[in-house]
Amino acid sequence: MAISSLSERQTSLESNVKSYFHNMSKVCENETTTNTTKTNQTQEVYQGCYQDAPPPSRDFDVLAIENSKIPIVCFKKCRSLGYAYAGLQNGGQCFCGSSFGRHGKVPESACSTICNGDRTKVCGGTWRNSVYKLI
């Protein structure tokens, strides 16, 4: 009787595992592999890593948030101020602007500072902006 019960449990477990992986494959089929973040009907499209410079020659018009904990807060702030672009710098500084790139693009490795409040994302670097277009 114990063998039958063990066999039934194994069959049930195998069925559950197959069902799980079947469902996960459907989820993966629906995902895209772009550098776009979707948030409540809005999108932020990553533009790249760009050099910044000290005032008065900053690449962005406005320092909107001195220490943004997560990128989405920066995106919302820049969008609310009417700007088309957001730049994340040095782990959490949030800059907003209507254009960017005055000091040129730099290698992605220059934008490697982890965001202060979201350890899964990078927020620029020292005098480097991770730039996003706000759609």
C-alpha atoms as a PDB file:
ATOM      1  CA  MET A   1       0.000   0.000   0.000  1.00  0.00           C
ATOM      2  CA  ALA A   2       2.834   2.420   0.765  1.00  0.00           C
ATOM      3  CA  ILE A   3       4.333   1.778  -2.665  1.00  0.00           C
ATOM      4  CA  SER A   4       1.046   2.576  -4.372  1.00  0.00           C
ATOM      5  CA  SER A   5       0.722   5.751  -2.334  1.00  0.00           C
ATOM      6  CA  LEU A   6       4.300   6.759  -3.162  1.00  0.00           C
ATOM      7  CA  SER A   7       3.690   6.032  -6.853  1.00  0.00           C
ATOM      8  CA  GLU A   8       0.521   8.133  -6.818  1.00  0.00           C
ATOM      9  CA  ARG A   9       2.367  11.021  -5.156  1.00  0.00           C
ATOM     10  CA  GLN A  10       5.164  10.804  -7.725  1.00  0.00           C
ATOM     11  CA  THR A  11       2.658  10.837 -10.608  1.00  0.00           C
ATOM     12  CA  SER A  12       0.857  13.807  -9.063  1.00  0.00           C
ATOM     13  CA  LEU A  13       4.142  15.649  -8.545  1.00  0.00           C
ATOM     14  CA  GLU A  14       5.230  14.987 -12.137  1.00  0.00           C
ATOM     15  CA  SER A  15       1.898  16.281 -13.385  1.00  0.00           C
ATOM     16  CA  ASN A  16       2.237  19.460 -11.298  1.00  0.00           C
ATOM     17  CA  VAL A  17       5.793  20.051 -12.528  1.00  0.00           C
ATOM     18  CA  LYS A  18       4.759  19.583 -16.184  1.00  0.00           C
ATOM     19  CA  SER A  19       1.847  21.966 -15.684  1.00  0.00           C
ATOM     20  CA  TYR A  20       4.119  24.560 -14.036  1.00  0.00           C
ATOM     21  CA  PHE A  21       6.680  24.467 -16.857  1.00  0.00           C
ATOM     22  CA  HIS A  22       3.955  24.543 -19.489  1.00  0.00           C
ATOM     23  CA  ASN A  23       2.492  27.678 -17.894  1.00  0.00           C
ATOM     24  CA  MET A  24       5.932  29.283 -17.531  1.00  0.00           C
ATOM     25  CA  SER A  25       6.698  28.682 -21.211  1.00  0.00           C
ATOM     26  CA  LYS A  26       3.497  30.541 -22.109  1.00  0.00           C
ATOM     27  CA  VAL A  27       4.560  33.473 -19.900  1.00  0.00           C
ATOM     28  CA  CYS A  28       8.011  33.548 -21.500  1.00  0.00           C
ATOM     29  CA  GLU A  29       6.518  33.521 -25.004  1.00  0.00           C
ATOM     30  CA  ASN A  30       4.626  36.709 -24.145  1.00  0.00           C
ATOM     31  CA  GLU A  31       7.646  38.609 -22.802  1.00  0.00           C
ATOM     32  CA  THR A  32       9.770  40.896 -24.964  1.00  0.00           C
ATOM     33  CA  THR A  33      13.510  41.386 -24.762  1.00  0.00           C
ATOM     34  CA  THR A  34      13.720  45.151 -25.234  1.00  0.00           C
ATOM     35  CA  ASN A  35      15.175  47.739 -22.860  1.00  0.00           C
ATOM     36  CA  THR A  36      11.775  49.246 -22.191  1.00  0.00           C
ATOM     37  CA  THR A  37      10.176  49.665 -18.791  1.00  0.00           C
ATOM     38  CA  LYS A  38       6.358  49.819 -18.818  1.00  0.00           C
ATOM     39  CA  THR A  39       4.585  51.562 -15.977  1.00  0.00           C
ATOM     40  CA  ASN A  40       0.825  52.203 -15.894  1.00  0.00           C
ATOM     41  CA  GLN A  41       0.390  52.960 -19.602  1.00  0.00           C
ATOM     42  CA  THR A  42       3.741  54.775 -19.812  1.00  0.00           C
ATOM     43  CA  GLN A  43       7.125  53.644 -20.999  1.00  0.00           C
ATOM     44  CA  GLU A  44      10.694  54.593 -20.430  1.00  0.00           C
ATOM     45  CA  VAL A  45      13.079  53.634 -23.223  1.00  0.00           C
ATOM     46  CA  TYR A  46      16.755  53.413 -22.316  1.00  0.00           C
ATOM     47  CA  GLN A  47      18.892  55.630 -24.564  1.00  0.00           C
ATOM     48  CA  GLY A  48      22.356  54.821 -23.226  1.00  0.00           C
ATOM     49  CA  CYS A  49      25.086  56.122 -20.946  1.00  0.00           C
ATOM     50  CA  TYR A  50      26.067  59.788 -21.408  1.00  0.00           C
ATOM     51  CA  GLN A  51      28.754  62.051 -20.016  1.00  0.00           C
ATOM     52  CA  ASP A  52      27.806  64.980 -17.760  1.00  0.00           C
ATOM     53  CA  ALA A  53      29.804  68.004 -16.610  1.00  0.00           C
ATOM     54  CA  PRO A  54      29.723  70.403 -13.660  1.00  0.00           C
ATOM     55  CA  PRO A  55      27.499  73.506 -13.746  1.00  0.00           C
ATOM     56  CA  PRO A  56      26.946  75.620 -15.735  1.00  0.00           C
ATOM     57  CA  SER A  57      27.436  73.008 -18.443  1.00  0.00           C
ATOM     58  CA  ARG A  58      25.142  70.230 -17.145  1.00  0.00           C
ATOM     59  CA  ASP A  59      23.669  67.917 -19.754  1.00  0.00           C
ATOM     60  CA  PHE A  60      20.148  68.153 -18.265  1.00  0.00           C
ATOM     61  CA  ASP A  61      18.098  71.243 -17.415  1.00  0.00           C
ATOM     62  CA  VAL A  62      16.912  70.317 -13.921  1.00  0.00           C
ATOM     63  CA  LEU A  63      18.070  68.341 -10.899  1.00  0.00           C
ATOM     64  CA  ALA A  64      14.585  67.137  -9.978  1.00  0.00           C
ATOM     65  CA  ILE A  65      15.437  64.832  -7.064  1.00  0.00           C
ATOM     66  CA  GLU A  66      18.725  64.791  -5.162  1.00  0.00           C
ATOM     67  CA  ASN A  67      18.375  61.187  -3.962  1.00  0.00           C
ATOM     68  CA  SER A  68      15.722  59.217  -5.829  1.00  0.00           C
ATOM     69  CA  LYS A  69      15.394  55.788  -4.250  1.00  0.00           C
ATOM     70  CA  ILE A  70      14.029  54.032  -7.332  1.00  0.00           C
ATOM     71  CA  PRO A  71      14.092  54.975 -11.030  1.00  0.00           C
ATOM     72  CA  ILE A  72      10.295  55.060 -11.407  1.00  0.00           C
ATOM     73  CA  VAL A  73      10.079  57.982  -8.951  1.00  0.00           C
ATOM     74  CA  CYS A  74      12.480  59.926 -11.162  1.00  0.00           C
ATOM     75  CA  PHE A  75      10.538  59.055 -14.313  1.00  0.00           C
ATOM     76  CA  LYS A  76       7.254  60.202 -12.760  1.00  0.00           C
ATOM     77  CA  LYS A  77       8.806  63.461 -11.524  1.00  0.00           C
ATOM     78  CA  CYS A  78      10.314  64.349 -14.909  1.00  0.00           C
ATOM     79  CA  ARG A  79       7.089  63.435 -16.683  1.00  0.00           C
ATOM     80  CA  SER A  80       5.063  65.598 -14.258  1.00  0.00           C
ATOM     81  CA  LEU A  81       7.380  68.539 -14.991  1.00  0.00           C
ATOM     82  CA  GLY A  82       6.786  68.105 -18.735  1.00  0.00           C
ATOM     83  CA  TYR A  83      10.227  66.818 -19.738  1.00  0.00           C
ATOM     84  CA  ALA A  84      10.911  64.231 -22.439  1.00  0.00           C
ATOM     85  CA  TYR A  85      14.029  62.685 -20.854  1.00  0.00           C
ATOM     86  CA  ALA A  86      15.228  61.523 -17.453  1.00  0.00           C
ATOM     87  CA  GLY A  87      18.818  60.948 -16.429  1.00  0.00           C
ATOM     88  CA  LEU A  88      19.823  58.877 -13.413  1.00  0.00           C
ATOM     89  CA  GLN A  89      23.264  59.635 -12.024  1.00  0.00           C
ATOM     90  CA  ASN A  90      25.555  58.407  -9.269  1.00  0.00           C
ATOM     91  CA  GLY A  91      23.100  55.954  -7.708  1.00  0.00           C
ATOM     92  CA  GLY A  92      20.093  58.231  -7.272  1.00  0.00           C
ATOM     93  CA  GLN A  93      20.342  61.770  -8.583  1.00  0.00           C
ATOM     94  CA  CYS A  94      17.435  62.441 -10.936  1.00  0.00           C
ATOM     95  CA  PHE A  95      17.830  64.925 -13.763  1.00  0.00           C
ATOM     96  CA  CYS A  96      15.183  66.004 -16.280  1.00  0.00           C
ATOM     97  CA  GLY A  97      15.539  67.630 -19.669  1.00  0.00           C
ATOM     98  CA  SER A  98      14.191  68.194 -23.152  1.00  0.00           C
ATOM     99  CA  SER A  99      17.436  67.061 -24.793  1.00  0.00           C
ATOM    100  CA  PHE A 100      20.686  65.366 -23.836  1.00  0.00           C
ATOM    101  CA  GLY A 101      24.060  64.339 -25.229  1.00  0.00           C
ATOM    102  CA  ARG A 102      25.918  67.652 -25.231  1.00  0.00           C
ATOM    103  CA  HIS A 103      29.031  65.934 -23.801  1.00  0.00           C
ATOM    104  CA  GLY A 104      28.718  62.699 -25.777  1.00  0.00           C
ATOM    105  CA  LYS A 105      27.909  59.061 -25.271  1.00  0.00           C
ATOM    106  CA  VAL A 106      30.251  56.896 -23.183  1.00  0.00           C
ATOM    107  CA  PRO A 107      30.634  53.116 -22.830  1.00  0.00           C
ATOM    108  CA  GLU A 108      27.904  51.319 -20.868  1.00  0.00           C
ATOM    109  CA  SER A 109      30.514  50.252 -18.325  1.00  0.00           C
ATOM    110  CA  ALA A 110      30.685  53.905 -17.195  1.00  0.00           C
ATOM    111  CA  CYS A 111      27.076  53.659 -15.968  1.00  0.00           C
ATOM    112  CA  SER A 112      27.524  50.900 -13.420  1.00  0.00           C
ATOM    113  CA  THR A 113      26.475  52.452 -10.103  1.00  0.00           C
ATOM    114  CA  ILE A 114      23.668  50.445  -8.491  1.00  0.00           C
ATOM    115  CA  CYS A 115      20.519  52.468  -7.700  1.00  0.00           C
ATOM    116  CA  ASN A 116      20.215  53.395  -4.024  1.00  0.00           C
ATOM    117  CA  GLY A 117      16.761  51.885  -3.567  1.00  0.00           C
ATOM    118  CA  ASP A 118      16.712  49.169  -6.245  1.00  0.00           C
ATOM    119  CA  ARG A 119      19.746  46.895  -6.206  1.00  0.00           C
ATOM    120  CA  THR A 120      18.607  45.262  -9.483  1.00  0.00           C
ATOM    121  CA  LYS A 121      19.085  48.418 -11.576  1.00  0.00           C
ATOM    122  CA  VAL A 122      21.940  50.770 -12.408  1.00  0.00           C
ATOM    123  CA  CYS A 123      21.667  54.538 -12.007  1.00  0.00           C
ATOM    124  CA  GLY A 124      24.506  56.074 -13.985  1.00  0.00           C
ATOM    125  CA  GLY A 125      27.869  56.757 -12.423  1.00  0.00           C
ATOM    126  CA  THR A 126      30.099  59.667 -11.407  1.00  0.00           C
ATOM    127  CA  TRP A 127      29.314  62.419 -13.938  1.00  0.00           C
ATOM    128  CA  ARG A 128      27.514  59.799 -16.044  1.00  0.00           C
ATOM    129  CA  ASN A 129      23.779  59.645 -16.788  1.00  0.00           C
ATOM    130  CA  SER A 130      21.724  56.558 -17.561  1.00  0.00           C
ATOM    131  CA  VAL A 131      19.311  58.308 -19.937  1.00  0.00           C
ATOM    132  CA  TYR A 132      15.678  57.311 -20.570  1.00  0.00           C
ATOM    133  CA  LYS A 133      13.178  58.693 -23.077  1.00  0.00           C
ATOM    134  CA  LEU A 134       9.771  59.172 -21.422  1.00  0.00           C
ATOM    135  CA  ILE A 135       6.942  58.000 -23.661  1.00  0.00           C
END
